[in-house]
Amino acid sequence: MLNLLRREFNLDQLIDDTGDTHLYQGYGEVYKVLYNKKYTQLNIKSDLSGKDALGVHKIGKFFRIIWKDNNQFFFSQYDLNGNEVKQIKKIGPVVLKKQEKIFGRNFTNKA
């Protein structure tokens, strides 16, 4: 029902509004980043089955997104036009801790 409402009324769900880069999910697997008052729709080529987006961070000329599927974490990267430049890749605890420092928060305790 919620997805039907999102599709019919173009409602986006706010996923992350930490810092100055915000992540929204539209209907299905449509994700948008809001940065510097500009929306960029992500051209996601990777399989998102079972994955939930947790956060976005602008790193140089890229947007990086952290994903979670059960107790496994992943990241992917997109250029400022929304094109996927690094496919979703599983990351282990050491890389996750580095990402948490970059993003400035703890993803392991986020639902």
Protein backbone atom coordinates (compact mmCIF):
# COMPACT_ATOMS: atom_id res chain seq x y z
CA MET A 1 0.00 0.00 0.00
CA LEU A 2 2.80 2.42 0.91
CA ASN A 3 4.58 1.77 -2.40
CA LEU A 4 1.30 2.38 -4.26
CA LEU A 5 0.92 5.75 -2.51
CA ARG A 6 4.54 6.64 -3.25
CA ARG A 7 4.09 5.80 -6.95
CA GLU A 8 0.75 7.60 -7.30
CA PHE A 9 1.71 10.76 -5.43
CA ASN A 10 5.48 10.76 -6.11
CA LEU A 11 6.26 10.62 -2.39
CA ASP A 12 9.87 10.04 -1.46
CA GLN A 13 10.91 8.53 1.86
CA LEU A 14 13.79 10.25 3.62
CA ILE A 15 16.46 7.64 4.39
CA ASP A 16 19.29 9.87 5.61
CA ASP A 17 19.51 13.56 6.40
CA THR A 18 22.79 13.58 8.31
CA GLY A 19 25.04 16.43 7.22
CA ASP A 20 24.51 18.29 3.96
CA THR A 21 23.90 15.25 1.75
CA HIS A 22 20.46 13.64 2.00
CA LEU A 23 19.21 10.32 0.61
CA TYR A 24 15.62 9.64 -0.45
CA GLN A 25 13.92 6.50 -1.72
CA GLY A 26 11.08 6.79 -4.18
CA TYR A 27 8.90 3.99 -5.48
CA GLY A 28 10.75 0.66 -5.71
CA GLU A 29 14.47 0.94 -6.20
CA VAL A 30 14.54 4.63 -7.13
CA TYR A 31 16.96 6.61 -4.98
CA LYS A 32 17.74 10.33 -5.08
CA VAL A 33 20.48 12.34 -3.42
CA LEU A 34 19.91 15.94 -2.38
CA TYR A 35 23.13 17.92 -2.26
CA ASN A 36 23.64 21.66 -2.59
CA LYS A 37 19.88 22.16 -3.23
CA LYS A 38 20.01 19.80 -6.25
CA TYR A 39 18.37 16.38 -6.57
CA THR A 40 20.30 13.68 -8.42
CA GLN A 41 18.59 10.40 -9.26
CA LEU A 42 20.97 7.46 -8.90
CA ASN A 43 21.45 5.17 -11.89
CA ILE A 44 21.84 1.96 -9.89
CA LYS A 45 23.01 -1.01 -11.94
CA SER A 46 23.68 -3.35 -8.99
CA ASP A 47 21.19 -5.85 -7.61
CA LEU A 48 19.50 -4.32 -4.54
CA SER A 49 17.59 -7.47 -3.55
CA GLY A 50 17.22 -7.50 0.23
CA LYS A 51 19.41 -4.44 0.74
CA ASP A 52 18.37 -1.34 2.67
CA ALA A 53 20.16 1.96 2.23
CA LEU A 54 21.48 3.34 5.52
CA GLY A 55 23.30 6.51 4.57
CA VAL A 56 24.97 8.68 1.96
CA HIS A 57 28.08 10.83 2.11
CA LYS A 58 29.71 13.04 -0.51
CA ILE A 59 33.38 12.18 -0.86
CA GLY A 60 35.16 14.45 -3.33
CA LYS A 61 33.37 14.06 -6.66
CA PHE A 62 31.35 11.03 -5.58
CA PHE A 63 28.38 9.98 -3.47
CA ARG A 64 29.00 6.86 -1.39
CA ILE A 65 26.11 4.82 0.00
CA ILE A 66 26.19 2.24 2.77
CA TRP A 67 23.72 -0.65 2.45
CA LYS A 68 22.69 -3.43 4.83
CA ASP A 69 21.23 -6.88 4.24
CA ASN A 70 20.61 -8.73 7.53
CA ASN A 71 23.98 -8.48 9.31
CA GLN A 72 26.04 -7.85 6.19
CA PHE A 73 27.13 -4.41 5.02
CA PHE A 74 27.88 -3.12 1.53
CA PHE A 75 28.87 0.11 -0.15
CA SER A 76 28.51 1.56 -3.62
CA GLN A 77 29.66 4.78 -5.23
CA TYR A 78 28.11 7.19 -7.76
CA ASP A 79 29.42 10.20 -9.62
CA LEU A 80 27.76 13.59 -9.13
CA ASN A 81 25.49 12.86 -12.12
CA GLY A 82 24.18 9.74 -10.36
CA ASN A 83 25.98 7.15 -12.47
CA GLU A 84 27.17 4.06 -10.63
CA VAL A 85 30.98 3.97 -10.67
CA LYS A 86 31.50 1.26 -8.04
CA GLN A 87 29.00 -1.59 -7.87
CA ILE A 88 27.60 -2.69 -4.54
CA LYS A 89 30.36 -4.52 -2.77
CA LYS A 90 30.28 -6.45 0.50
CA ILE A 91 32.51 -4.98 3.20
CA GLY A 92 33.89 -6.55 6.35
CA PRO A 93 34.16 -5.14 9.88
CA VAL A 94 37.47 -3.29 9.33
CA VAL A 95 36.25 -1.45 6.21
CA LEU A 96 32.88 -0.79 7.88
CA LYS A 97 34.64 0.91 10.81
CA LYS A 98 36.58 3.09 8.34
CA GLN A 99 33.32 4.02 6.60
CA GLU A 100 31.72 4.84 9.96
CA LYS A 101 34.56 7.29 10.63
CA ILE A 102 34.16 8.87 7.20
CA PHE A 103 30.37 9.14 7.60
CA GLY A 104 30.66 10.21 11.25
CA ARG A 105 28.28 7.60 12.65
CA ASN A 106 27.74 4.02 13.67
CA PHE A 107 25.89 1.87 11.12
CA THR A 108 26.01 -1.36 13.14
CA ASN A 109 23.47 0.04 15.61
CA LYS A 110 21.13 1.47 12.96
CA ALA A 111 18.02 -0.57 12.13
